[in-house]
Amino acid sequence: MADRRKGITWFLVIAFAITWGSILVIYLLGIPTPESSQEITNPLLGLLSMLGTFGPAIAAFVVRKWITREGFKDAGLRLNLKAGWKYYLCAALYPLVVVPVALGMAAAAGESVRGLSAESLATLIPLFVSSIVWTLVFFGEEFGWRGYLQDRIAPGKPLLAAILTGLIWGVWHYAIVISGMSLSGNPVALLIYPIVSAVGSIFFGWLFTKSSSVWPVCLAHAVGNIFMTEIVGMLLPDAPQLLTWGVFSLAGYAVVALALVLSRQVKWRETPAEQAML
């Protein structure tokens, strides 16, 4: 118990320090960000952004290696393609659920929904390929959140563990909102981020637990951020990003999460036998 709490504490301290520190340096140096109107010419932005992204992974490595010395047996580093291929498929195809729900809710709210043109369809394959490449980048987050924190923050309670992990994950994003690097620094995002992250974490946590691998989660994270966000934005061109992401897409994630909970794929409490199998 003491080692678990010690590990969690140090993990959070290191992850937040690295990420928030990197964002603070970007902000203090006045380096143009992707959401600014200035041309980005400073390579330091990319280096600091990457360091910030890998804050959770670095923290998990440091804790596992030197603080708790528990090693990497349960870190989910193996691909597990043979046994877990269907979870990779879920990670790649879950936009087929989230996007229609998001568009349906947007239409019900009176938003203008644009149809897919031949030109927009032609961008889907490159976007998806880009998502696969970005899977490596999102390892920087998922090796920490799912590969370390989720299994330790509420042992034996998968649903609670996913929600708590998601809430912390959402607060971790505050630095990019406050600095203006994400969602134009809109303070409303500070309220929405933990909710979106907690709901999404139920699906991501399920992928990790069922596949025993962090890689399907990295793929799902990349598909969501690179592929799905772009598609929803493309089909809802007049809706503010905060609305498309924080309301419409959130509704899609909620449908996925609710299906997992109601089907008892994600339980509030595991039996001792189920815990022993993990």
Protein backbone atom coordinates (compact mmCIF):
# COMPACT_ATOMS: atom_id res chain seq x y z
CA MET A 1 0.00 0.00 0.00
CA ALA A 2 2.77 2.44 0.98
CA ASP A 3 4.78 1.69 -2.16
CA ARG A 4 1.68 2.13 -4.32
CA ARG A 5 0.91 5.54 -2.81
CA LYS A 6 4.55 6.55 -3.02
CA GLY A 7 4.69 5.54 -6.67
CA ILE A 8 1.47 7.38 -7.56
CA THR A 9 2.61 10.53 -5.75
CA TRP A 10 5.98 10.63 -7.44
CA PHE A 11 4.47 9.77 -10.81
CA LEU A 12 2.07 12.71 -10.62
CA VAL A 13 4.71 15.13 -9.34
CA ILE A 14 7.17 14.24 -12.11
CA ALA A 15 4.56 14.07 -14.91
CA PHE A 16 3.03 17.44 -14.05
CA ALA A 17 6.42 19.07 -13.44
CA ILE A 18 7.82 18.01 -16.82
CA THR A 19 4.73 18.87 -18.84
CA TRP A 20 3.74 22.10 -17.10
CA GLY A 21 7.37 23.18 -16.94
CA SER A 22 7.77 22.68 -20.68
CA ILE A 23 4.61 24.65 -21.43
CA LEU A 24 5.71 27.40 -19.04
CA VAL A 25 9.01 27.77 -20.91
CA ILE A 26 7.15 27.96 -24.22
CA TYR A 27 4.89 30.65 -22.77
CA LEU A 28 7.71 32.69 -21.18
CA LEU A 29 9.81 32.61 -24.33
CA GLY A 30 6.85 33.80 -26.37
CA ILE A 31 7.32 31.04 -28.93
CA PRO A 32 4.47 31.05 -31.49
CA THR A 33 2.10 28.12 -31.06
CA PRO A 34 0.05 26.27 -33.70
CA GLU A 35 -3.06 28.24 -32.70
CA SER A 36 -1.37 31.62 -33.03
CA SER A 37 -1.37 33.64 -36.23
CA GLN A 38 2.43 33.93 -36.25
CA GLU A 39 4.65 31.75 -38.38
CA ILE A 40 6.33 29.01 -36.38
CA THR A 41 10.08 29.06 -37.06
CA ASN A 42 11.56 28.17 -33.68
CA PRO A 43 12.51 24.47 -33.48
CA LEU A 44 12.53 24.79 -29.70
CA LEU A 45 8.70 24.71 -29.80
CA GLY A 46 8.72 21.19 -31.18
CA LEU A 47 11.30 19.98 -28.69
CA LEU A 48 9.51 21.47 -25.69
CA SER A 49 6.11 20.27 -26.90
CA MET A 50 7.44 16.75 -27.33
CA LEU A 51 9.03 16.85 -23.89
CA GLY A 52 5.71 17.96 -22.44
CA THR A 53 3.85 15.19 -24.24
CA PHE A 54 6.26 12.57 -22.88
CA GLY A 55 6.03 13.87 -19.31
CA PRO A 56 3.77 10.98 -18.15
CA ALA A 57 5.92 8.35 -19.89
CA ILE A 58 9.11 9.74 -18.38
CA ALA A 59 7.46 9.84 -14.96
CA ALA A 60 6.29 6.21 -15.27
CA PHE A 61 9.76 5.09 -16.32
CA VAL A 62 11.48 6.92 -13.46
CA VAL A 63 9.05 5.58 -10.86
CA ARG A 64 9.16 2.00 -12.12
CA LYS A 65 12.94 1.98 -12.51
CA TRP A 66 14.24 3.89 -9.51
CA ILE A 67 11.52 4.81 -7.01
CA THR A 68 9.36 1.71 -6.51
CA ARG A 69 11.72 -0.57 -8.47
CA GLU A 70 8.75 -2.67 -9.60
CA GLY A 71 10.01 -3.07 -13.16
CA PHE A 72 7.99 -3.15 -16.36
CA LYS A 73 6.23 -6.52 -16.31
CA ASP A 74 2.73 -5.00 -16.19
CA ALA A 75 3.51 -1.92 -18.30
CA GLY A 76 1.84 -3.28 -21.43
CA LEU A 77 4.84 -2.75 -23.67
CA ARG A 78 4.22 -5.83 -25.80
CA LEU A 79 2.09 -5.43 -28.92
CA ASN A 80 0.09 -8.63 -28.24
CA LEU A 81 -1.18 -8.55 -31.81
CA LYS A 82 -2.14 -12.22 -31.97
CA ALA A 83 -4.31 -12.20 -28.88
CA GLY A 84 -5.35 -8.57 -28.96
CA TRP A 85 -5.92 -7.82 -32.64
CA LYS A 86 -9.63 -7.12 -32.09
CA TYR A 87 -8.80 -4.33 -29.65
CA TYR A 88 -6.60 -2.68 -32.25
CA LEU A 89 -9.60 -2.95 -34.56
CA CYS A 90 -11.80 -1.29 -31.93
CA ALA A 91 -9.20 1.44 -31.52
CA ALA A 92 -9.21 2.11 -35.25
CA LEU A 93 -12.95 1.90 -35.86
CA TYR A 94 -14.55 3.55 -32.83
CA PRO A 95 -15.05 6.80 -34.82
CA LEU A 96 -17.81 4.87 -36.64
CA VAL A 97 -19.78 5.23 -33.40
CA VAL A 98 -18.56 8.58 -32.10
CA VAL A 99 -18.80 10.60 -35.33
CA PRO A 100 -22.44 9.73 -36.22
CA VAL A 101 -23.52 10.45 -32.63
CA ALA A 102 -21.65 13.76 -32.69
CA LEU A 103 -23.19 14.78 -36.02
CA GLY A 104 -26.66 13.68 -34.97
CA MET A 105 -26.47 15.72 -31.79
CA ALA A 106 -25.14 18.70 -33.71
CA ALA A 107 -28.00 18.50 -36.21
CA ALA A 108 -30.51 18.25 -33.35
CA ALA A 109 -28.97 21.37 -31.86
CA GLY A 110 -29.48 23.25 -35.12
CA GLU A 111 -25.90 23.20 -36.36
CA SER A 112 -25.20 23.03 -40.08
CA VAL A 113 -23.82 19.60 -40.98
CA ARG A 114 -21.82 19.42 -44.19
CA GLY A 115 -21.83 16.25 -46.28
CA LEU A 116 -18.66 14.45 -47.31
CA SER A 117 -17.52 15.59 -50.74
CA ALA A 118 -15.18 13.71 -53.04
CA GLU A 119 -12.43 16.11 -52.01
CA SER A 120 -12.99 15.57 -48.29
CA LEU A 121 -13.21 11.80 -48.76
CA ALA A 122 -9.80 11.91 -50.43
CA THR A 123 -8.32 13.31 -47.23
CA LEU A 124 -9.56 10.48 -45.02
CA ILE A 125 -6.92 7.91 -45.95
CA PRO A 126 -3.95 10.27 -45.44
CA LEU A 127 -5.49 11.38 -42.14
CA PHE A 128 -5.82 7.80 -40.95
CA VAL A 129 -2.26 6.95 -42.02
CA SER A 130 -1.11 10.03 -40.13
CA SER A 131 -2.95 8.72 -37.06
CA ILE A 132 -0.98 5.48 -37.20
CA VAL A 133 2.28 7.43 -37.30
CA TRP A 134 1.17 9.60 -34.38
CA THR A 135 0.53 6.46 -32.34
CA LEU A 136 4.21 6.56 -31.38
CA VAL A 137 3.85 10.12 -30.09
CA PHE A 138 0.83 9.32 -27.92
CA PHE A 139 2.87 6.62 -26.22
CA GLY A 140 4.26 9.60 -24.31
CA GLU A 141 0.91 9.96 -22.56
CA GLU A 142 -0.51 6.45 -22.50
CA PHE A 143 2.52 4.67 -21.05
CA GLY A 144 1.92 6.89 -18.04
CA TRP A 145 -1.85 7.20 -17.71
CA ARG A 146 -2.97 3.73 -18.71
CA GLY A 147 0.33 1.83 -18.47
CA TYR A 148 1.03 3.00 -14.92
CA LEU A 149 -1.61 5.06 -13.11
CA GLN A 150 -4.84 3.26 -14.01
CA ASP A 151 -3.98 -0.08 -12.41
CA ARG A 152 -2.78 1.57 -9.20
CA ILE A 153 -5.16 4.40 -8.41
CA ALA A 154 -8.16 2.18 -7.51
CA PRO A 155 -7.17 -1.51 -7.51
CA GLY A 156 -10.05 -3.88 -8.17
CA LYS A 157 -12.39 -1.08 -9.27
CA PRO A 158 -11.94 -0.65 -13.05
CA LEU A 159 -14.67 1.94 -13.57
CA LEU A 160 -13.54 4.12 -10.69
CA ALA A 161 -9.91 3.74 -11.77
CA ALA A 162 -10.77 4.87 -15.31
CA ILE A 163 -12.75 7.88 -14.09
CA LEU A 164 -10.10 9.00 -11.59
CA THR A 165 -7.34 8.54 -14.15
CA GLY A 166 -9.38 10.54 -16.65
CA LEU A 167 -10.02 13.39 -14.23
CA ILE A 168 -6.31 13.70 -13.45
CA TRP A 169 -5.50 13.41 -17.15
CA GLY A 170 -7.91 16.25 -17.84
CA VAL A 171 -6.37 18.52 -15.21
CA TRP A 172 -2.93 17.69 -16.63
CA HIS A 173 -4.13 19.36 -19.87
CA TYR A 174 -4.81 22.65 -18.07
CA ALA A 175 -1.34 23.96 -18.90
CA ILE A 176 -2.01 23.99 -22.66
CA VAL A 177 -5.34 25.73 -22.15
CA ILE A 178 -4.06 28.38 -19.74
CA SER A 179 -1.08 29.09 -22.00
CA GLY A 180 -3.38 29.49 -25.02
CA MET A 181 -1.88 26.51 -26.86
CA SER A 182 -5.22 24.69 -26.96
CA LEU A 183 -8.81 25.86 -27.49
CA SER A 184 -7.58 29.47 -27.64
CA GLY A 185 -7.19 29.55 -23.88
CA ASN A 186 -10.98 29.49 -23.34
CA PRO A 187 -11.49 29.10 -19.56
CA VAL A 188 -14.62 27.01 -20.15
CA ALA A 189 -12.27 24.29 -21.37
CA LEU A 190 -10.96 23.97 -17.81
CA LEU A 191 -14.39 22.73 -16.79
CA ILE A 192 -14.91 20.49 -19.79
CA TYR A 193 -11.48 18.86 -20.11
CA PRO A 194 -11.78 16.61 -17.02
CA ILE A 195 -15.26 15.49 -18.10
CA VAL A 196 -14.19 14.63 -21.64
CA SER A 197 -11.07 12.88 -20.35
CA ALA A 198 -12.96 10.89 -17.70
CA VAL A 199 -15.54 9.65 -20.20
CA GLY A 200 -12.91 8.83 -22.84
CA SER A 201 -10.79 7.12 -20.21
CA ILE A 202 -13.45 4.44 -19.74
CA PHE A 203 -12.95 3.30 -23.33
CA PHE A 204 -9.17 3.74 -23.24
CA GLY A 205 -8.92 1.90 -19.93
CA TRP A 206 -10.98 -0.97 -21.31
CA LEU A 207 -8.65 -1.25 -24.32
CA PHE A 208 -5.61 -1.44 -22.06
CA THR A 209 -7.07 -3.97 -19.66
CA LYS A 210 -8.45 -6.30 -22.32
CA SER A 211 -5.43 -6.19 -24.62
CA SER A 212 -2.78 -6.12 -21.87
CA SER A 213 -1.00 -3.65 -24.11
CA VAL A 214 -0.64 0.10 -24.15
CA TRP A 215 -0.43 0.19 -27.96
CA PRO A 216 -4.14 -0.14 -28.83
CA VAL A 217 -4.74 2.80 -26.48
CA CYS A 218 -2.03 4.83 -28.21
CA LEU A 219 -3.70 4.06 -31.53
CA ALA A 220 -7.14 5.05 -30.23
CA HIS A 221 -5.73 8.28 -28.81
CA ALA A 222 -4.07 9.12 -32.12
CA VAL A 223 -7.17 8.23 -34.16
CA GLY A 224 -9.28 10.42 -31.89
CA ASN A 225 -7.00 13.45 -31.92
CA ILE A 226 -5.75 13.36 -35.50
CA PHE A 227 -8.43 11.58 -37.54
CA MET A 228 -11.74 11.96 -35.76
CA THR A 229 -11.30 15.54 -34.57
CA GLU A 230 -10.47 16.62 -38.11
CA ILE A 231 -13.49 14.84 -39.58
CA VAL A 232 -15.93 16.29 -37.06
CA GLY A 233 -14.47 19.75 -37.61
CA MET A 234 -14.71 19.30 -41.37
CA LEU A 235 -18.38 18.29 -41.22
CA LEU A 236 -19.30 20.99 -38.68
CA PRO A 237 -17.41 23.95 -40.15
CA ASP A 238 -19.51 26.62 -38.44
CA ALA A 239 -19.50 25.14 -34.93
CA PRO A 240 -16.89 26.37 -32.42
CA GLN A 241 -14.19 23.83 -31.58
CA LEU A 242 -15.18 23.88 -27.92
CA LEU A 243 -18.69 22.81 -28.91
CA THR A 244 -17.67 20.10 -31.39
CA TRP A 245 -15.17 18.63 -28.93
CA GLY A 246 -16.74 19.35 -25.55
CA VAL A 247 -20.38 18.57 -26.35
CA PHE A 248 -20.95 16.74 -29.63
CA SER A 249 -17.90 14.44 -29.63
CA LEU A 250 -18.29 13.98 -25.88
CA ALA A 251 -21.76 12.58 -26.53
CA GLY A 252 -20.23 10.01 -28.88
CA TYR A 253 -17.63 8.98 -26.30
CA ALA A 254 -20.40 8.76 -23.70
CA VAL A 255 -22.32 6.28 -25.86
CA VAL A 256 -19.23 4.07 -26.12
CA ALA A 257 -18.56 4.33 -22.39
CA LEU A 258 -22.19 3.61 -21.48
CA ALA A 259 -22.22 0.53 -23.71
CA LEU A 260 -19.10 -0.80 -21.96
CA VAL A 261 -20.55 -0.18 -18.51
CA LEU A 262 -24.03 -1.57 -19.23
CA SER A 263 -22.56 -4.69 -20.86
CA ARG A 264 -20.33 -5.10 -17.78
CA GLN A 265 -17.21 -4.96 -19.89
CA VAL A 266 -16.10 -2.29 -17.42
CA LYS A 267 -17.22 -3.09 -13.88
CA TRP A 268 -17.34 -1.04 -10.72
CA ARG A 269 -15.75 -3.88 -8.76
CA GLU A 270 -13.93 -7.03 -9.87
CA THR A 271 -14.20 -10.34 -8.05
CA PRO A 272 -11.04 -11.72 -6.39
CA ALA A 273 -10.84 -14.35 -9.14
CA GLU A 274 -10.92 -11.67 -11.85
CA GLN A 275 -8.20 -9.70 -10.08
CA ALA A 276 -6.02 -12.79 -9.86
CA MET A 277 -6.27 -13.28 -13.63
CA LEU A 278 -4.80 -9.83 -14.35
